[in-house]
Amino acid sequence: MRLSALLLAATLTLHAQTPSHPTSTPYAGDLNIFESPDRAQKLQIDRVMDLLHIAPGSTVADIGAGGGWFTILAARRVTPTGHVIAEDINPTYVAAIRARAIKENLLNIEPYLGTEDDPKLPANTLDSALMLKVYHEIAHPALVLANLHAAMKANARFGIIDRNGTGADHGLNEKILRAEVEANGFKQVARYDFTKADGQDYFLIFEKR
């Protein structure tokens, strides 16, 4: 490889690994805080799944799955003919999802242990993916989005639910998030704000270009 090409590759790698905004420390506490009985109703999670085209037979990724709250709902939606990849970077959470899937006899759930920069999703497998209050924790979005882009099938949908913030306060400015995602091979196809009554949350849907 010529020297100029090597320098370009090194520059691109450094750019991808440089945080583009402040980030929040990933939550590592009690998973029960995500299990409130009215959470599904408040988030209108069935509508979220409709808009992401999650249906029987779909393959879905729950990225930053935590204890698997959304994973379980998606697994039921896709039926035994579908498949849900529940990815998280916390080994304790991944073990909790595995135990929960066994307890609820949902054999279509596959827990994945990713890293901060790579969810390790298999290529060309996903019909849908969701990051639920996770994106603001990602320090190197270009690396994560590259893996996700490769994992998505043509016409697959990628949803992000987050809230406006600085990045360091468990939220991220919507315009910054959209710009980052679109700079890494995706196009926004829809925007909603129904997932929280105060309007601070936003729900963006992307497809890969």
Protein backbone atom coordinates (compact mmCIF):
# COMPACT_ATOMS: atom_id res chain seq x y z
CA MET A 1 0.00 0.00 0.00
CA ARG A 2 1.33 3.46 -0.88
CA LEU A 3 2.28 5.83 1.94
CA SER A 4 -0.51 8.28 1.08
CA ALA A 5 -3.09 5.49 1.27
CA LEU A 6 -1.71 4.37 4.62
CA LEU A 7 -1.92 7.91 5.98
CA LEU A 8 -5.50 8.26 4.72
CA ALA A 9 -6.52 4.96 6.33
CA ALA A 10 -4.92 5.98 9.62
CA THR A 11 -6.68 9.35 9.51
CA LEU A 12 -10.06 7.73 8.86
CA THR A 13 -9.52 5.25 11.70
CA LEU A 14 -8.55 8.02 14.11
CA HIS A 15 -11.61 10.05 13.06
CA ALA A 16 -13.90 7.08 13.64
CA GLN A 17 -12.46 6.51 17.11
CA THR A 18 -12.62 10.15 18.22
CA PRO A 19 -15.75 10.97 20.24
CA SER A 20 -17.83 13.51 18.32
CA HIS A 21 -19.71 14.73 21.39
CA PRO A 22 -19.85 14.09 25.16
CA THR A 23 -21.33 10.73 26.12
CA SER A 24 -23.06 9.29 29.16
CA THR A 25 -21.70 6.39 31.21
CA PRO A 26 -23.69 3.25 30.34
CA TYR A 27 -26.18 2.35 33.05
CA ALA A 28 -25.03 -0.60 35.15
CA GLY A 29 -27.57 -0.61 37.97
CA ASP A 30 -30.79 -2.38 38.91
CA LEU A 31 -32.66 -3.54 35.82
CA ASN A 32 -36.03 -3.40 37.56
CA ILE A 33 -36.29 0.32 36.84
CA PHE A 34 -37.04 -0.59 33.22
CA GLU A 35 -39.87 -2.96 34.11
CA SER A 36 -42.66 -0.59 35.21
CA PRO A 37 -46.09 -2.04 34.32
CA ASP A 38 -47.12 1.02 32.29
CA ARG A 39 -43.92 1.42 30.31
CA ALA A 40 -45.25 -0.28 27.19
CA GLN A 41 -48.32 1.93 27.19
CA LYS A 42 -46.37 5.15 27.76
CA LEU A 43 -43.89 4.36 25.00
CA GLN A 44 -46.64 3.05 22.72
CA ILE A 45 -44.28 0.19 22.02
CA ASP A 46 -46.71 -1.68 19.78
CA ARG A 47 -46.87 1.38 17.53
CA VAL A 48 -43.06 1.55 17.59
CA MET A 49 -42.87 -2.05 16.42
CA ASP A 50 -45.48 -1.42 13.72
CA LEU A 51 -43.45 1.50 12.36
CA LEU A 52 -40.28 -0.59 12.37
CA HIS A 53 -42.14 -3.28 10.41
CA ILE A 54 -41.53 -5.88 13.11
CA ALA A 55 -43.76 -8.81 12.22
CA PRO A 56 -43.90 -12.61 12.42
CA GLY A 57 -40.75 -14.05 10.88
CA SER A 58 -38.67 -10.87 11.30
CA THR A 59 -35.08 -10.82 12.54
CA VAL A 60 -34.69 -7.94 15.01
CA ALA A 61 -31.74 -6.51 16.95
CA ASP A 62 -32.28 -4.92 20.37
CA ILE A 63 -29.04 -2.92 20.67
CA GLY A 64 -28.16 -2.07 24.25
CA ALA A 65 -30.82 -4.46 25.44
CA GLY A 66 -30.22 -4.10 29.19
CA GLY A 67 -32.39 -6.67 30.93
CA GLY A 68 -34.32 -7.49 27.80
CA TRP A 69 -37.52 -5.50 28.29
CA PHE A 70 -37.91 -4.76 24.59
CA THR A 71 -36.31 -8.07 23.61
CA ILE A 72 -39.16 -10.03 25.19
CA LEU A 73 -41.85 -7.94 23.48
CA ALA A 74 -40.12 -8.23 20.11
CA ALA A 75 -39.65 -11.98 20.52
CA ARG A 76 -43.37 -12.43 21.06
CA ARG A 77 -44.18 -10.18 18.10
CA VAL A 78 -41.94 -12.07 15.65
CA THR A 79 -43.30 -15.47 16.85
CA PRO A 80 -41.16 -18.63 16.86
CA THR A 81 -40.57 -18.16 13.13
CA GLY A 82 -38.63 -14.96 13.83
CA HIS A 83 -35.44 -14.17 15.70
CA VAL A 84 -34.31 -11.50 18.16
CA ILE A 85 -30.68 -10.63 18.80
CA ALA A 86 -30.37 -9.06 22.27
CA GLU A 87 -27.05 -7.21 22.34
CA ASP A 88 -25.42 -5.51 25.30
CA ILE A 89 -21.87 -4.69 26.43
CA ASN A 90 -22.54 -5.68 30.06
CA PRO A 91 -21.93 -9.43 30.63
CA THR A 92 -24.25 -9.43 33.67
CA TYR A 93 -27.10 -8.06 31.57
CA VAL A 94 -26.46 -10.56 28.78
CA ALA A 95 -26.62 -13.39 31.33
CA ALA A 96 -29.86 -11.95 32.72
CA ILE A 97 -31.42 -11.90 29.24
CA ARG A 98 -30.37 -15.49 28.64
CA ALA A 99 -31.96 -16.60 31.92
CA ARG A 100 -35.10 -14.59 31.21
CA ALA A 101 -35.51 -16.08 27.73
CA ILE A 102 -35.25 -19.59 29.16
CA LYS A 103 -37.71 -18.81 31.95
CA GLU A 104 -40.25 -17.42 29.48
CA ASN A 105 -39.59 -20.23 26.98
CA LEU A 106 -38.69 -17.80 24.21
CA LEU A 107 -36.24 -19.86 22.21
CA ASN A 108 -36.05 -17.28 19.42
CA ILE A 109 -33.90 -14.94 21.55
CA GLU A 110 -30.12 -14.97 21.06
CA PRO A 111 -28.10 -12.89 23.57
CA TYR A 112 -24.97 -11.22 22.17
CA LEU A 113 -22.10 -9.71 24.14
CA GLY A 114 -20.84 -6.74 22.14
CA THR A 115 -18.19 -4.13 22.88
CA GLU A 116 -18.42 -0.35 23.21
CA ASP A 117 -17.35 0.03 19.57
CA ASP A 118 -18.83 -3.09 17.98
CA PRO A 119 -22.18 -4.81 18.62
CA LYS A 120 -20.85 -7.77 16.60
CA LEU A 121 -24.06 -8.26 14.63
CA PRO A 122 -23.92 -10.85 11.83
CA ALA A 123 -23.86 -9.41 8.31
CA ASN A 124 -26.99 -9.09 6.18
CA THR A 125 -29.38 -10.55 8.76
CA LEU A 126 -31.56 -7.78 10.19
CA ASP A 127 -35.03 -6.71 9.14
CA SER A 128 -35.25 -4.22 12.02
CA ALA A 129 -33.14 -2.77 14.84
CA LEU A 130 -33.86 -0.51 17.80
CA MET A 131 -31.70 1.57 20.16
CA LEU A 132 -33.93 2.51 23.08
CA LYS A 133 -32.28 5.30 25.12
CA VAL A 134 -28.82 3.98 24.17
CA TYR A 135 -27.34 6.17 21.44
CA HIS A 136 -26.18 8.91 23.84
CA GLU A 137 -23.87 6.33 25.49
CA ILE A 138 -21.99 5.53 22.27
CA ALA A 139 -18.60 7.24 22.23
CA HIS A 140 -17.58 6.16 18.71
CA PRO A 141 -20.78 6.04 16.67
CA ALA A 142 -19.05 5.58 13.32
CA LEU A 143 -17.67 2.21 14.41
CA VAL A 144 -20.97 0.99 15.84
CA LEU A 145 -22.97 2.23 12.86
CA ALA A 146 -20.60 0.56 10.40
CA ASN A 147 -21.34 -2.84 11.95
CA LEU A 148 -25.06 -2.12 12.04
CA HIS A 149 -25.06 -0.97 8.42
CA ALA A 150 -23.44 -4.23 7.33
CA ALA A 151 -25.92 -6.24 9.40
CA MET A 152 -29.04 -4.72 7.85
CA LYS A 153 -30.81 -6.19 4.85
CA ALA A 154 -32.07 -3.98 2.04
CA ASN A 155 -35.10 -1.93 3.20
CA ALA A 156 -34.46 -2.83 6.85
CA ARG A 157 -35.48 -0.19 9.40
CA PHE A 158 -33.36 1.16 12.25
CA GLY A 159 -35.12 3.08 15.03
CA ILE A 160 -33.62 5.32 17.70
CA ILE A 161 -35.61 6.53 20.70
CA ASP A 162 -33.73 9.13 22.73
CA ARG A 163 -34.19 12.53 24.35
CA ASN A 164 -32.70 15.94 23.74
CA GLY A 165 -29.62 16.64 25.84
CA THR A 166 -25.91 17.37 25.80
CA GLY A 167 -24.70 13.80 25.45
CA ALA A 168 -23.40 13.71 29.02
CA ASP A 169 -26.88 13.94 30.60
CA HIS A 170 -28.40 10.75 29.17
CA GLY A 171 -29.72 12.55 26.13
CA LEU A 172 -28.40 14.00 22.86
CA ASN A 173 -29.48 16.86 20.66
CA GLU A 174 -31.64 15.44 17.91
CA LYS A 175 -29.90 17.35 15.11
CA ILE A 176 -26.49 16.07 16.19
CA LEU A 177 -27.74 12.48 16.35
CA ARG A 178 -29.38 12.68 12.95
CA ALA A 179 -26.26 14.20 11.36
CA GLU A 180 -24.03 11.47 12.78
CA VAL A 181 -26.27 8.63 11.65
CA GLU A 182 -26.76 10.08 8.18
CA ALA A 183 -22.99 10.62 7.83
CA ASN A 184 -22.51 6.88 8.30
CA GLY A 185 -24.58 5.41 5.51
CA PHE A 186 -28.17 5.91 6.63
CA LYS A 187 -31.05 8.16 5.60
CA GLN A 188 -33.85 9.32 7.90
CA VAL A 189 -37.26 8.24 6.64
CA ALA A 190 -39.53 9.22 9.55
CA ARG A 191 -39.69 11.16 12.81
CA TYR A 192 -42.16 10.91 15.73
CA ASP A 193 -42.49 12.32 19.25
CA PHE A 194 -45.23 10.14 20.72
CA THR A 195 -42.97 8.05 22.96
CA LYS A 196 -43.12 10.55 25.84
CA ALA A 197 -45.93 12.94 26.67
CA ASP A 198 -43.65 15.92 27.41
CA GLY A 199 -42.29 15.93 23.86
CA GLN A 200 -38.65 15.74 24.97
CA ASP A 201 -38.16 12.28 23.53
CA TYR A 202 -37.85 11.72 19.80
CA PHE A 203 -38.20 8.58 17.72
CA LEU A 204 -36.26 8.58 14.46
CA ILE A 205 -36.38 5.88 11.81
CA PHE A 206 -33.56 5.31 9.34
CA GLU A 207 -32.87 3.04 6.40
CA LYS A 208 -29.44 2.34 4.98
CA ARG A 209 -28.41 4.01 1.76
